[in-house]
Amino acid sequence: MPLTAGHLQQTVADHAPPVCDEHLRRIATREAGHIVAAAVLDLPLPVRARITPNGGEVLRPARPSYTAEIIKKELVCLMAGRAAEQFLIGDVSSGSESGQQSDLELATALLVAQEY
C-alpha cells in the first residue's frame, strides 16, 4: 500500500505530546480577540481561523491599499489578541510577542511598510 498524507497525519497525531486545556484556552482567547476586534472595527472578517497545539491563526482578506485610519484599525486588531489574554486570563503569553508571525512582529512590519 502506498504511503499517503493521511498516513503521515495519523502518525503525527498518534505521537504528538498531549496539550493541556489551559494552553489551548489561551490560544483560543488570543485568536478570538483578533476576530472580535475585526468585527467591532468593521474590518473584513476572517476567511479562516484555526487553533493548533503550536499556536493559532486568523486569516483575513488582504487589502489592496491602506489609509491611515485603516492602519490604526489593523494595529488595534493585531494587538487585540494580546489584550484579550491580559483581560480574560490575567497575563500575556509569549505566543503574542515572539515568533516568526507574532502579533508584535506583524504590527511592526505594518508600521514600517507604511512609514507611519
PDB file of N, CA and C in Angstrom:
ATOM      1  N   MET A   1       0.847  -1.171   0.000  1.00  0.00           N
ATOM      2  CA  MET A   1       0.000   0.000   0.000  1.00  0.00           C
ATOM      3  C   MET A   1       0.900   1.245   0.000  1.00  0.00           C
ATOM      4  N   PRO A   2       0.635   2.226  -0.870  1.00  0.00           N
ATOM      5  CA  PRO A   2       1.469   3.433  -0.930  1.00  0.00           C
ATOM      6  C   PRO A   2       1.228   4.339   0.290  1.00  0.00           C
ATOM      7  N   LEU A   3       2.266   5.046   0.655  1.00  0.00           N
ATOM      8  CA  LEU A   3       2.206   5.996   1.764  1.00  0.00           C
ATOM      9  C   LEU A   3       1.440   7.233   1.308  1.00  0.00           C
ATOM     10  N   THR A   4       0.504   7.692   2.126  1.00  0.00           N
ATOM     11  CA  THR A   4      -0.290   8.872   1.788  1.00  0.00           C
ATOM     12  C   THR A   4      -0.112   9.944   2.855  1.00  0.00           C
ATOM     13  N   ALA A   5      -0.611  11.135   2.555  1.00  0.00           N
ATOM     14  CA  ALA A   5      -0.578  12.227   3.534  1.00  0.00           C
ATOM     15  C   ALA A   5      -1.374  11.845   4.777  1.00  0.00           C
ATOM     16  N   GLY A   6      -2.447  11.108   4.592  1.00  0.00           N
ATOM     17  CA  GLY A   6      -3.253  10.662   5.730  1.00  0.00           C
ATOM     18  C   GLY A   6      -2.471   9.790   6.693  1.00  0.00           C
ATOM     19  N   HIS A   7      -1.606   8.913   6.146  1.00  0.00           N
ATOM     20  CA  HIS A   7      -0.752   8.081   6.998  1.00  0.00           C
ATOM     21  C   HIS A   7       0.178   8.952   7.847  1.00  0.00           C
ATOM     22  N   LEU A   8       0.763   9.950   7.209  1.00  0.00           N
ATOM     23  CA  LEU A   8       1.679  10.840   7.931  1.00  0.00           C
ATOM     24  C   LEU A   8       0.945  11.636   9.005  1.00  0.00           C
ATOM     25  N   GLN A   9      -0.228  12.151   8.663  1.00  0.00           N
ATOM     26  CA  GLN A   9      -1.005  12.917   9.634  1.00  0.00           C
ATOM     27  C   GLN A   9      -1.395  12.052  10.828  1.00  0.00           C
ATOM     28  N   GLN A  10      -1.799  10.819  10.574  1.00  0.00           N
ATOM     29  CA  GLN A  10      -2.182   9.922  11.661  1.00  0.00           C
ATOM     30  C   GLN A  10      -0.983   9.587  12.544  1.00  0.00           C
ATOM     31  N   THR A  11       0.172   9.381  11.936  1.00  0.00           N
ATOM     32  CA  THR A  11       1.377   9.080  12.703  1.00  0.00           C
ATOM     33  C   THR A  11       1.749  10.247  13.606  1.00  0.00           C
ATOM     34  N   VAL A  12       1.683  11.445  13.060  1.00  0.00           N
ATOM     35  CA  VAL A  12       1.972  12.634  13.867  1.00  0.00           C
ATOM     36  C   VAL A  12       0.968  12.739  15.009  1.00  0.00           C
ATOM     37  N   ALA A  13      -0.311  12.560  14.716  1.00  0.00           N
ATOM     38  CA  ALA A  13      -1.348  12.654  15.753  1.00  0.00           C
ATOM     39  C   ALA A  13      -1.142  11.601  16.838  1.00  0.00           C
ATOM     40  N   ASP A  14      -0.741  10.406  16.442  1.00  0.00           N
ATOM     41  CA  ASP A  14      -0.529   9.326  17.408  1.00  0.00           C
ATOM     42  C   ASP A  14       0.659   9.581  18.328  1.00  0.00           C
ATOM     43  N   HIS A  15       1.630  10.359  17.867  1.00  0.00           N
ATOM     44  CA  HIS A  15       2.856  10.562  18.639  1.00  0.00           C
ATOM     45  C   HIS A  15       3.033  11.989  19.166  1.00  0.00           C
ATOM     46  N   ALA A  16       2.079  12.847  18.911  1.00  0.00           N
ATOM     47  CA  ALA A  16       2.171  14.227  19.388  1.00  0.00           C
ATOM     48  C   ALA A  16       1.977  14.261  20.901  1.00  0.00           C
ATOM     49  N   PRO A  17       2.724  15.107  21.580  1.00  0.00           N
ATOM     50  CA  PRO A  17       2.541  15.202  23.027  1.00  0.00           C
ATOM     51  C   PRO A  17       1.169  15.800  23.344  1.00  0.00           C
ATOM     52  N   PRO A  18       0.596  15.431  24.476  1.00  0.00           N
ATOM     53  CA  PRO A  18      -0.710  15.989  24.832  1.00  0.00           C
ATOM     54  C   PRO A  18      -0.596  17.488  25.102  1.00  0.00           C
ATOM     55  N   VAL A  19      -1.661  18.194  24.800  1.00  0.00           N
ATOM     56  CA  VAL A  19      -1.692  19.640  25.012  1.00  0.00           C
ATOM     57  C   VAL A  19      -2.693  19.918  26.125  1.00  0.00           C
ATOM     58  N   CYS A  20      -2.273  20.702  27.090  1.00  0.00           N
ATOM     59  CA  CYS A  20      -3.160  20.987  28.212  1.00  0.00           C
ATOM     60  C   CYS A  20      -4.255  21.975  27.797  1.00  0.00           C
ATOM     61  N   ASP A  21      -5.387  21.845  28.464  1.00  0.00           N
ATOM     62  CA  ASP A  21      -6.532  22.698  28.161  1.00  0.00           C
ATOM     63  C   ASP A  21      -6.216  24.176  28.375  1.00  0.00           C
ATOM     64  N   GLU A  22      -5.403  24.482  29.379  1.00  0.00           N
ATOM     65  CA  GLU A  22      -5.050  25.880  29.662  1.00  0.00           C
ATOM     66  C   GLU A  22      -4.325  26.510  28.472  1.00  0.00           C
ATOM     67  N   HIS A  23      -3.435  25.752  27.861  1.00  0.00           N
ATOM     68  CA  HIS A  23      -2.696  26.251  26.700  1.00  0.00           C
ATOM     69  C   HIS A  23      -3.647  26.510  25.527  1.00  0.00           C
ATOM     70  N   LEU A  24      -4.537  25.566  25.255  1.00  0.00           N
ATOM     71  CA  LEU A  24      -5.497  25.744  24.162  1.00  0.00           C
ATOM     72  C   LEU A  24      -6.448  26.901  24.449  1.00  0.00           C
ATOM     73  N   ARG A  25      -6.850  27.064  25.706  1.00  0.00           N
ATOM     74  CA  ARG A  25      -7.732  28.179  26.069  1.00  0.00           C
ATOM     75  C   ARG A  25      -7.033  29.515  25.824  1.00  0.00           C
ATOM     76  N   ARG A  26      -5.777  29.574  26.157  1.00  0.00           N
ATOM     77  CA  ARG A  26      -5.014  30.805  25.949  1.00  0.00           C
ATOM     78  C   ARG A  26      -4.928  31.136  24.462  1.00  0.00           C
ATOM     79  N   ILE A  27      -4.641  30.137  23.647  1.00  0.00           N
ATOM     80  CA  ILE A  27      -4.559  30.350  22.201  1.00  0.00           C
ATOM     81  C   ILE A  27      -5.917  30.787  21.660  1.00  0.00           C
ATOM     82  N   ALA A  28      -6.980  30.109  22.086  1.00  0.00           N
ATOM     83  CA  ALA A  28      -8.328  30.450  21.621  1.00  0.00           C
ATOM     84  C   ALA A  28      -8.712  31.866  22.038  1.00  0.00           C
ATOM     85  N   THR A  29      -8.343  32.253  23.249  1.00  0.00           N
ATOM     86  CA  THR A  29      -8.629  33.604  23.734  1.00  0.00           C
ATOM     87  C   THR A  29      -7.941  34.644  22.867  1.00  0.00           C
ATOM     88  N   ARG A  30      -6.677  34.404  22.563  1.00  0.00           N
ATOM     89  CA  ARG A  30      -5.907  35.341  21.747  1.00  0.00           C
ATOM     90  C   ARG A  30      -6.518  35.476  20.355  1.00  0.00           C
ATOM     91  N   GLU A  31      -6.837  34.358  19.723  1.00  0.00           N
ATOM     92  CA  GLU A  31      -7.381  34.406  18.362  1.00  0.00           C
ATOM     93  C   GLU A  31      -8.780  35.017  18.352  1.00  0.00           C
ATOM     94  N   ALA A  32      -9.579  34.726  19.378  1.00  0.00           N
ATOM     95  CA  ALA A  32     -10.910  35.334  19.474  1.00  0.00           C
ATOM     96  C   ALA A  32     -10.804  36.847  19.620  1.00  0.00           C
ATOM     97  N   GLY A  33      -9.790  37.313  20.329  1.00  0.00           N
ATOM     98  CA  GLY A  33      -9.581  38.755  20.462  1.00  0.00           C
ATOM     99  C   GLY A  33      -9.394  39.430  19.117  1.00  0.00           C
ATOM    100  N   HIS A  34      -8.641  38.793  18.232  1.00  0.00           N
ATOM    101  CA  HIS A  34      -8.454  39.349  16.882  1.00  0.00           C
ATOM    102  C   HIS A  34      -9.784  39.402  16.121  1.00  0.00           C
ATOM    103  N   ILE A  35     -10.566  38.339  16.225  1.00  0.00           N
ATOM    104  CA  ILE A  35     -11.828  38.251  15.480  1.00  0.00           C
ATOM    105  C   ILE A  35     -12.839  39.270  15.996  1.00  0.00           C
ATOM    106  N   VAL A  36     -12.969  39.386  17.308  1.00  0.00           N
ATOM    107  CA  VAL A  36     -13.906  40.348  17.888  1.00  0.00           C
ATOM    108  C   VAL A  36     -13.507  41.771  17.504  1.00  0.00           C
ATOM    109  N   ALA A  37     -12.227  42.077  17.571  1.00  0.00           N
ATOM    110  CA  ALA A  37     -11.767  43.421  17.201  1.00  0.00           C
ATOM    111  C   ALA A  37     -12.085  43.722  15.741  1.00  0.00           C
ATOM    112  N   ALA A  38     -11.871  42.766  14.857  1.00  0.00           N
ATOM    113  CA  ALA A  38     -12.183  42.980  13.438  1.00  0.00           C
ATOM    114  C   ALA A  38     -13.662  43.299  13.262  1.00  0.00           C
ATOM    115  N   ALA A  39     -14.524  42.579  13.973  1.00  0.00           N
ATOM    116  CA  ALA A  39     -15.967  42.824  13.862  1.00  0.00           C
ATOM    117  C   ALA A  39     -16.340  44.202  14.400  1.00  0.00           C
ATOM    118  N   VAL A  40     -15.810  44.556  15.567  1.00  0.00           N
ATOM    119  CA  VAL A  40     -16.124  45.845  16.188  1.00  0.00           C
ATOM    120  C   VAL A  40     -15.613  47.007  15.341  1.00  0.00           C
ATOM    121  N   LEU A  41     -14.448  46.845  14.736  1.00  0.00           N
ATOM    122  CA  LEU A  41     -13.831  47.919  13.945  1.00  0.00           C
ATOM    123  C   LEU A  41     -14.305  47.930  12.501  1.00  0.00           C
ATOM    124  N   ASP A  42     -15.232  47.055  12.171  1.00  0.00           N
ATOM    125  CA  ASP A  42     -15.779  46.955  10.816  1.00  0.00           C
ATOM    126  C   ASP A  42     -14.693  46.655   9.783  1.00  0.00           C
ATOM    127  N   LEU A  43     -13.760  45.790  10.175  1.00  0.00           N
ATOM    128  CA  LEU A  43     -12.739  45.296   9.256  1.00  0.00           C
ATOM    129  C   LEU A  43     -13.248  43.998   8.635  1.00  0.00           C
ATOM    130  N   PRO A  44     -12.670  43.570   7.520  1.00  0.00           N
ATOM    131  CA  PRO A  44     -13.098  42.297   6.930  1.00  0.00           C
ATOM    132  C   PRO A  44     -12.949  41.156   7.942  1.00  0.00           C
ATOM    133  N   LEU A  45     -13.972  40.333   8.023  1.00  0.00           N
ATOM    134  CA  LEU A  45     -13.936  39.201   8.948  1.00  0.00           C
ATOM    135  C   LEU A  45     -13.061  38.092   8.386  1.00  0.00           C
ATOM    136  N   PRO A  46     -12.581  37.219   9.246  1.00  0.00           N
ATOM    137  CA  PRO A  46     -11.667  36.163   8.793  1.00  0.00           C
ATOM    138  C   PRO A  46     -12.301  35.219   7.777  1.00  0.00           C
ATOM    139  N   VAL A  47     -11.452  34.744   6.884  1.00  0.00           N
ATOM    140  CA  VAL A  47     -11.868  33.680   5.974  1.00  0.00           C
ATOM    141  C   VAL A  47     -11.505  32.334   6.584  1.00  0.00           C
ATOM    142  N   ARG A  48     -10.615  32.365   7.588  1.00  0.00           N
ATOM    143  CA  ARG A  48     -10.233  31.140   8.282  1.00  0.00           C
ATOM    144  C   ARG A  48      -9.653  31.495   9.648  1.00  0.00           C
ATOM    145  N   ALA A  49      -9.983  30.677  10.618  1.00  0.00           N
ATOM    146  CA  ALA A  49      -9.371  30.776  11.942  1.00  0.00           C
ATOM    147  C   ALA A  49      -9.090  29.354  12.391  1.00  0.00           C
ATOM    148  N   ARG A  50      -7.908  29.150  12.965  1.00  0.00           N
ATOM    149  CA  ARG A  50      -7.586  27.804  13.437  1.00  0.00           C
ATOM    150  C   ARG A  50      -6.739  27.882  14.695  1.00  0.00           C
ATOM    151  N   ILE A  51      -6.859  26.828  15.470  1.00  0.00           N
ATOM    152  CA  ILE A  51      -6.102  26.701  16.706  1.00  0.00           C
ATOM    153  C   ILE A  51      -5.425  25.341  16.674  1.00  0.00           C
ATOM    154  N   THR A  52      -4.114  25.346  16.912  1.00  0.00           N
ATOM    155  CA  THR A  52      -3.355  24.105  16.965  1.00  0.00           C
ATOM    156  C   THR A  52      -2.531  24.115  18.250  1.00  0.00           C
ATOM    157  N   PRO A  53      -1.964  22.990  18.626  1.00  0.00           N
ATOM    158  CA  PRO A  53      -1.105  22.988  19.815  1.00  0.00           C
ATOM    159  C   PRO A  53       0.089  23.934  19.692  1.00  0.00           C
ATOM    160  N   ASN A  54       0.456  24.288  18.461  1.00  0.00           N
ATOM    161  CA  ASN A  54       1.597  25.180  18.247  1.00  0.00           C
ATOM    162  C   ASN A  54       1.209  26.643  18.160  1.00  0.00           C
ATOM    163  N   GLY A  55      -0.060  26.960  18.239  1.00  0.00           N
ATOM    164  CA  GLY A  55      -0.491  28.339  18.159  1.00  0.00           C
ATOM    165  C   GLY A  55      -1.771  28.476  17.374  1.00  0.00           C
ATOM    166  N   GLY A  56      -2.111  29.693  17.058  1.00  0.00           N
ATOM    167  CA  GLY A  56      -3.338  29.950  16.322  1.00  0.00           C
ATOM    168  C   GLY A  56      -3.083  30.850  15.145  1.00  0.00           C
ATOM    169  N   GLU A  57      -4.118  30.997  14.347  1.00  0.00           N
ATOM    170  CA  GLU A  57      -4.002  31.832  13.158  1.00  0.00           C
ATOM    171  C   GLU A  57      -5.385  32.329  12.786  1.00  0.00           C
ATOM    172  N   VAL A  58      -5.474  33.606  12.486  1.00  0.00           N
ATOM    173  CA  VAL A  58      -6.688  34.195  11.942  1.00  0.00           C
ATOM    174  C   VAL A  58      -6.298  34.792  10.602  1.00  0.00           C
ATOM    175  N   LEU A  59      -6.896  34.291   9.554  1.00  0.00           N
ATOM    176  CA  LEU A  59      -6.571  34.746   8.206  1.00  0.00           C
ATOM    177  C   LEU A  59      -7.698  35.627   7.689  1.00  0.00           C
ATOM    178  N   ARG A  60      -7.369  36.897   7.467  1.00  0.00           N
ATOM    179  CA  ARG A  60      -8.348  37.846   6.938  1.00  0.00           C
ATOM    180  C   ARG A  60      -7.941  38.251   5.536  1.00  0.00           C
ATOM    181  N   PRO A  61      -8.901  38.668   4.723  1.00  0.00           N
ATOM    182  CA  PRO A  61      -8.564  39.087   3.358  1.00  0.00           C
ATOM    183  C   PRO A  61      -7.592  40.269   3.364  1.00  0.00           C
ATOM    184  N   ALA A  62      -6.664  40.258   2.441  1.00  0.00           N
ATOM    185  CA  ALA A  62      -5.709  41.370   2.312  1.00  0.00           C
ATOM    186  C   ALA A  62      -6.401  42.558   1.654  1.00  0.00           C
ATOM    187  N   ARG A  63      -5.935  43.723   1.989  1.00  0.00           N
ATOM    188  CA  ARG A  63      -6.457  44.948   1.371  1.00  0.00           C
ATOM    189  C   ARG A  63      -5.481  45.410   0.296  1.00  0.00           C
ATOM    190  N   PRO A  64      -6.015  45.994  -0.781  1.00  0.00           N
ATOM    191  CA  PRO A  64      -5.114  46.490  -1.828  1.00  0.00           C
ATOM    192  C   PRO A  64      -4.343  47.740  -1.402  1.00  0.00           C
ATOM    193  N   SER A  65      -4.920  48.519  -0.488  1.00  0.00           N
ATOM    194  CA  SER A  65      -4.239  49.723  -0.007  1.00  0.00           C
ATOM    195  C   SER A  65      -4.721  50.027   1.410  1.00  0.00           C
ATOM    196  N   TYR A  66      -3.934  50.841   2.099  1.00  0.00           N
ATOM    197  CA  TYR A  66      -4.229  51.162   3.491  1.00  0.00           C
ATOM    198  C   TYR A  66      -4.213  52.671   3.690  1.00  0.00           C
ATOM    199  N   THR A  67      -5.291  53.203   4.246  1.00  0.00           N
ATOM    200  CA  THR A  67      -5.303  54.597   4.670  1.00  0.00           C
ATOM    201  C   THR A  67      -4.762  54.651   6.099  1.00  0.00           C
ATOM    202  N   ALA A  68      -4.493  55.849   6.581  1.00  0.00           N
ATOM    203  CA  ALA A  68      -4.015  55.992   7.961  1.00  0.00           C
ATOM    204  C   ALA A  68      -5.042  55.430   8.941  1.00  0.00           C
ATOM    205  N   GLU A  69      -6.321  55.644   8.668  1.00  0.00           N
ATOM    206  CA  GLU A  69      -7.377  55.133   9.548  1.00  0.00           C
ATOM    207  C   GLU A  69      -7.415  53.606   9.555  1.00  0.00           C
ATOM    208  N   ILE A  70      -7.272  52.992   8.394  1.00  0.00           N
ATOM    209  CA  ILE A  70      -7.269  51.526   8.304  1.00  0.00           C
ATOM    210  C   ILE A  70      -6.041  50.958   9.017  1.00  0.00           C
ATOM    211  N   ILE A  71      -4.901  51.614   8.876  1.00  0.00           N
ATOM    212  CA  ILE A  71      -3.692  51.150   9.568  1.00  0.00           C
ATOM    213  C   ILE A  71      -3.922  51.145  11.077  1.00  0.00           C
ATOM    214  N   LYS A  72      -4.525  52.196  11.600  1.00  0.00           N
ATOM    215  CA  LYS A  72      -4.810  52.254  13.035  1.00  0.00           C
ATOM    216  C   LYS A  72      -5.718  51.103  13.454  1.00  0.00           C
ATOM    217  N   LYS A  73      -6.749  50.842  12.661  1.00  0.00           N
ATOM    218  CA  LYS A  73      -7.665  49.739  12.973  1.00  0.00           C
ATOM    219  C   LYS A  73      -6.954  48.390  12.906  1.00  0.00           C
ATOM    220  N   GLU A  74      -6.108  48.213  11.904  1.00  0.00           N
ATOM    221  CA  GLU A  74      -5.365  46.953  11.773  1.00  0.00           C
ATOM    222  C   GLU A  74      -4.428  46.746  12.967  1.00  0.00           C
ATOM    223  N   LEU A  75      -3.808  47.819  13.426  1.00  0.00           N
ATOM    224  CA  LEU A  75      -2.924  47.724  14.595  1.00  0.00           C
ATOM    225  C   LEU A  75      -3.708  47.336  15.847  1.00  0.00           C
ATOM    226  N   VAL A  76      -4.878  47.942  16.020  1.00  0.00           N
ATOM    227  CA  VAL A  76      -5.726  47.577  17.154  1.00  0.00           C
ATOM    228  C   VAL A  76      -6.111  46.104  17.060  1.00  0.00           C
ATOM    229  N   CYS A  77      -6.471  45.660  15.864  1.00  0.00           N
ATOM    230  CA  CYS A  77      -6.859  44.265  15.658  1.00  0.00           C
ATOM    231  C   CYS A  77      -5.696  43.319  15.979  1.00  0.00           C
ATOM    232  N   LEU A  78      -4.504  43.668  15.551  1.00  0.00           N
ATOM    233  CA  LEU A  78      -3.335  42.838  15.845  1.00  0.00           C
ATOM    234  C   LEU A  78      -3.066  42.753  17.345  1.00  0.00           C
ATOM    235  N   MET A  79      -3.222  43.859  18.046  1.00  0.00           N
ATOM    236  CA  MET A  79      -2.936  43.883  19.480  1.00  0.00           C
ATOM    237  C   MET A  79      -4.101  43.374  20.323  1.00  0.00           C
ATOM    238  N   ALA A  80      -5.264  43.188  19.713  1.00  0.00           N
ATOM    239  CA  ALA A  80      -6.444  42.744  20.463  1.00  0.00           C
ATOM    240  C   ALA A  80      -6.275  41.342  21.036  1.00  0.00           C
ATOM    241  N   GLY A  81      -5.501  40.502  20.386  1.00  0.00           N
ATOM    242  CA  GLY A  81      -5.256  39.166  20.924  1.00  0.00           C
ATOM    243  C   GLY A  81      -4.507  39.240  22.244  1.00  0.00           C
ATOM    244  N   ARG A  82      -3.508  40.073  22.267  1.00  0.00           N
ATOM    245  CA  ARG A  82      -2.712  40.284  23.484  1.00  0.00           C
ATOM    246  C   ARG A  82      -3.588  40.885  24.590  1.00  0.00           C
ATOM    247  N   ALA A  83      -4.418  41.859  24.212  1.00  0.00           N
ATOM    248  CA  ALA A  83      -5.311  42.494  25.185  1.00  0.00           C
ATOM    249  C   ALA A  83      -6.332  41.497  25.734  1.00  0.00           C
ATOM    250  N   ALA A  84      -6.842  40.621  24.883  1.00  0.00           N
ATOM    251  CA  ALA A  84      -7.808  39.611  25.331  1.00  0.00           C
ATOM    252  C   ALA A  84      -7.169  38.678  26.355  1.00  0.00           C
ATOM    253  N   GLU A  85      -5.946  38.275  26.093  1.00  0.00           N
ATOM    254  CA  GLU A  85      -5.227  37.424  27.060  1.00  0.00           C
ATOM    255  C   GLU A  85      -5.073  38.138  28.402  1.00  0.00           C
ATOM    256  N   GLN A  86      -4.632  39.381  28.360  1.00  0.00           N
ATOM    257  CA  GLN A  86      -4.414  40.138  29.592  1.00  0.00           C
ATOM    258  C   GLN A  86      -5.717  40.297  30.362  1.00  0.00           C
ATOM    259  N   PHE A  87      -6.784  40.657  29.657  1.00  0.00           N
ATOM    260  CA  PHE A  87      -8.063  40.932  30.304  1.00  0.00           C
ATOM    261  C   PHE A  87      -8.739  39.665  30.817  1.00  0.00           C
ATOM    262  N   LEU A  88      -8.772  38.617  30.002  1.00  0.00           N
ATOM    263  CA  LEU A  88      -9.530  37.414  30.357  1.00  0.00           C
ATOM    264  C   LEU A  88      -8.737  36.384  31.163  1.00  0.00           C
ATOM    265  N   ILE A  89      -7.414  36.358  30.981  1.00  0.00           N
ATOM    266  CA  ILE A  89      -6.602  35.355  31.673  1.00  0.00           C
ATOM    267  C   ILE A  89      -5.759  35.979  32.781  1.00  0.00           C
ATOM    268  N   GLY A  90      -5.419  37.253  32.622  1.00  0.00           N
ATOM    269  CA  GLY A  90      -4.679  37.940  33.674  1.00  0.00           C
ATOM    270  C   GLY A  90      -3.226  38.202  33.369  1.00  0.00           C
ATOM    271  N   ASP A  91      -2.711  37.597  32.301  1.00  0.00           N
ATOM    272  CA  ASP A  91      -1.350  37.880  31.858  1.00  0.00           C
ATOM    273  C   ASP A  91      -1.237  37.538  30.376  1.00  0.00           C
ATOM    274  N   VAL A  92      -0.076  37.841  29.815  1.00  0.00           N
ATOM    275  CA  VAL A  92       0.146  37.655  28.381  1.00  0.00           C
ATOM    276  C   VAL A  92       1.231  36.612  28.192  1.00  0.00           C
ATOM    277  N   SER A  93       0.994  35.693  27.274  1.00  0.00           N
ATOM    278  CA  SER A  93       1.979  34.641  26.997  1.00  0.00           C
ATOM    279  C   SER A  93       2.923  35.067  25.886  1.00  0.00           C
ATOM    280  N   SER A  94       3.968  34.302  25.720  1.00  0.00           N
ATOM    281  CA  SER A  94       4.932  34.592  24.655  1.00  0.00           C
ATOM    282  C   SER A  94       4.330  34.393  23.278  1.00  0.00           C
ATOM    283  N   GLY A  95       3.204  33.717  23.169  1.00  0.00           N
ATOM    284  CA  GLY A  95       2.577  33.493  21.869  1.00  0.00           C
ATOM    285  C   GLY A  95       2.188  34.767  21.157  1.00  0.00           C
ATOM    286  N   SER A  96       1.964  35.831  21.905  1.00  0.00           N
ATOM    287  CA  SER A  96       1.576  37.080  21.271  1.00  0.00           C
ATOM    288  C   SER A  96       2.744  38.038  21.101  1.00  0.00           C
ATOM    289  N   GLU A  97       3.917  37.631  21.562  1.00  0.00           N
ATOM    290  CA  GLU A  97       5.025  38.584  21.483  1.00  0.00           C
ATOM    291  C   GLU A  97       6.287  38.042  20.840  1.00  0.00           C
ATOM    292  N   SER A  98       6.321  36.771  20.515  1.00  0.00           N
ATOM    293  CA  SER A  98       7.534  36.253  19.903  1.00  0.00           C
ATOM    294  C   SER A  98       7.181  35.258  18.814  1.00  0.00           C
ATOM    295  N   GLY A  99       8.116  35.036  17.923  1.00  0.00           N
ATOM    296  CA  GLY A  99       7.877  34.080  16.853  1.00  0.00           C
ATOM    297  C   GLY A  99       7.907  34.737  15.497  1.00  0.00           C
ATOM    298  N   GLN A 100       7.889  33.904  14.493  1.00  0.00           N
ATOM    299  CA  GLN A 100       8.026  34.399  13.130  1.00  0.00           C
ATOM    300  C   GLN A 100       6.842  35.264  12.701  1.00  0.00           C
ATOM    301  N   GLN A 101       5.652  34.940  13.142  1.00  0.00           N
ATOM    302  CA  GLN A 101       4.473  35.707  12.775  1.00  0.00           C
ATOM    303  C   GLN A 101       3.753  36.220  14.019  1.00  0.00           C
ATOM    304  N   SER A 102       4.502  36.722  14.977  1.00  0.00           N
ATOM    305  CA  SER A 102       3.897  37.209  16.209  1.00  0.00           C
ATOM    306  C   SER A 102       3.100  38.479  15.946  1.00  0.00           C
ATOM    307  N   ASP A 103       2.177  38.759  16.862  1.00  0.00           N
ATOM    308  CA  ASP A 103       1.366  39.965  16.747  1.00  0.00           C
ATOM    309  C   ASP A 103       2.239  41.215  16.709  1.00  0.00           C
ATOM    310  N   LEU A 104       3.236  41.273  17.587  1.00  0.00           N
ATOM    311  CA  LEU A 104       4.112  42.447  17.629  1.00  0.00           C
ATOM    312  C   LEU A 104       4.944  42.573  16.356  1.00  0.00           C
ATOM    313  N   GLU A 105       5.411  41.446  15.840  1.00  0.00           N
ATOM    314  CA  GLU A 105       6.189  41.478  14.601  1.00  0.00           C
ATOM    315  C   GLU A 105       5.334  41.945  13.426  1.00  0.00           C
ATOM    316  N   LEU A 106       4.107  41.451  13.342  1.00  0.00           N
ATOM    317  CA  LEU A 106       3.219  41.860  12.250  1.00  0.00           C
ATOM    318  C   LEU A 106       2.862  43.339  12.355  1.00  0.00           C
ATOM    319  N   ALA A 107       2.614  43.818  13.574  1.00  0.00           N
ATOM    320  CA  ALA A 107       2.301  45.236  13.763  1.00  0.00           C
ATOM    321  C   ALA A 107       3.490  46.109  13.385  1.00  0.00           C
ATOM    322  N   THR A 108       4.672  45.697  13.793  1.00  0.00           N
ATOM    323  CA  THR A 108       5.882  46.444  13.442  1.00  0.00           C
ATOM    324  C   THR A 108       6.087  46.475  11.936  1.00  0.00           C
ATOM    325  N   ALA A 109       5.904  45.340  11.288  1.00  0.00           N
ATOM    326  CA  ALA A 109       6.068  45.273   9.828  1.00  0.00           C
ATOM    327  C   ALA A 109       5.063  46.177   9.124  1.00  0.00           C
ATOM    328  N   LEU A 110       3.832  46.225   9.623  1.00  0.00           N
ATOM    329  CA  LEU A 110       2.818  47.092   9.020  1.00  0.00           C
ATOM    330  C   LEU A 110       3.219  48.555   9.150  1.00  0.00           C
ATOM    331  N   LEU A 111       3.703  48.942  10.311  1.00  0.00           N
ATOM    332  CA  LEU A 111       4.136  50.325  10.516  1.00  0.00           C
ATOM    333  C   LEU A 111       5.334  50.680   9.645  1.00  0.00           C
ATOM    334  N   VAL A 112       6.295  49.793   9.567  1.00  0.00           N
ATOM    335  CA  VAL A 112       7.489  50.048   8.752  1.00  0.00           C
ATOM    336  C   VAL A 112       7.119  50.145   7.277  1.00  0.00           C
ATOM    337  N   ALA A 113       6.279  49.240   6.814  1.00  0.00           N
ATOM    338  CA  ALA A 113       5.893  49.230   5.397  1.00  0.00           C
ATOM    339  C   ALA A 113       5.132  50.493   5.013  1.00  0.00           C
ATOM    340  N   GLN A 114       4.389  51.042   5.950  1.00  0.00           N
ATOM    341  CA  GLN A 114       3.588  52.230   5.656  1.00  0.00           C
ATOM    342  C   GLN A 114       4.299  53.520   6.047  1.00  0.00           C
ATOM    343  N   GLU A 115       5.481  53.399   6.648  1.00  0.00           N
ATOM    344  CA  GLU A 115       6.237  54.564   7.127  1.00  0.00           C
ATOM    345  C   GLU A 115       5.341  55.460   7.959  1.00  0.00           C
ATOM    346  N   TYR A 116       4.613  54.846   8.843  1.00  0.00           N
ATOM    347  CA  TYR A 116       3.609  55.533   9.647  1.00  0.00           C
ATOM    348  C   TYR A 116       4.253  56.269  10.789  1.00  0.00           C
TER     349      TYR A 116
END
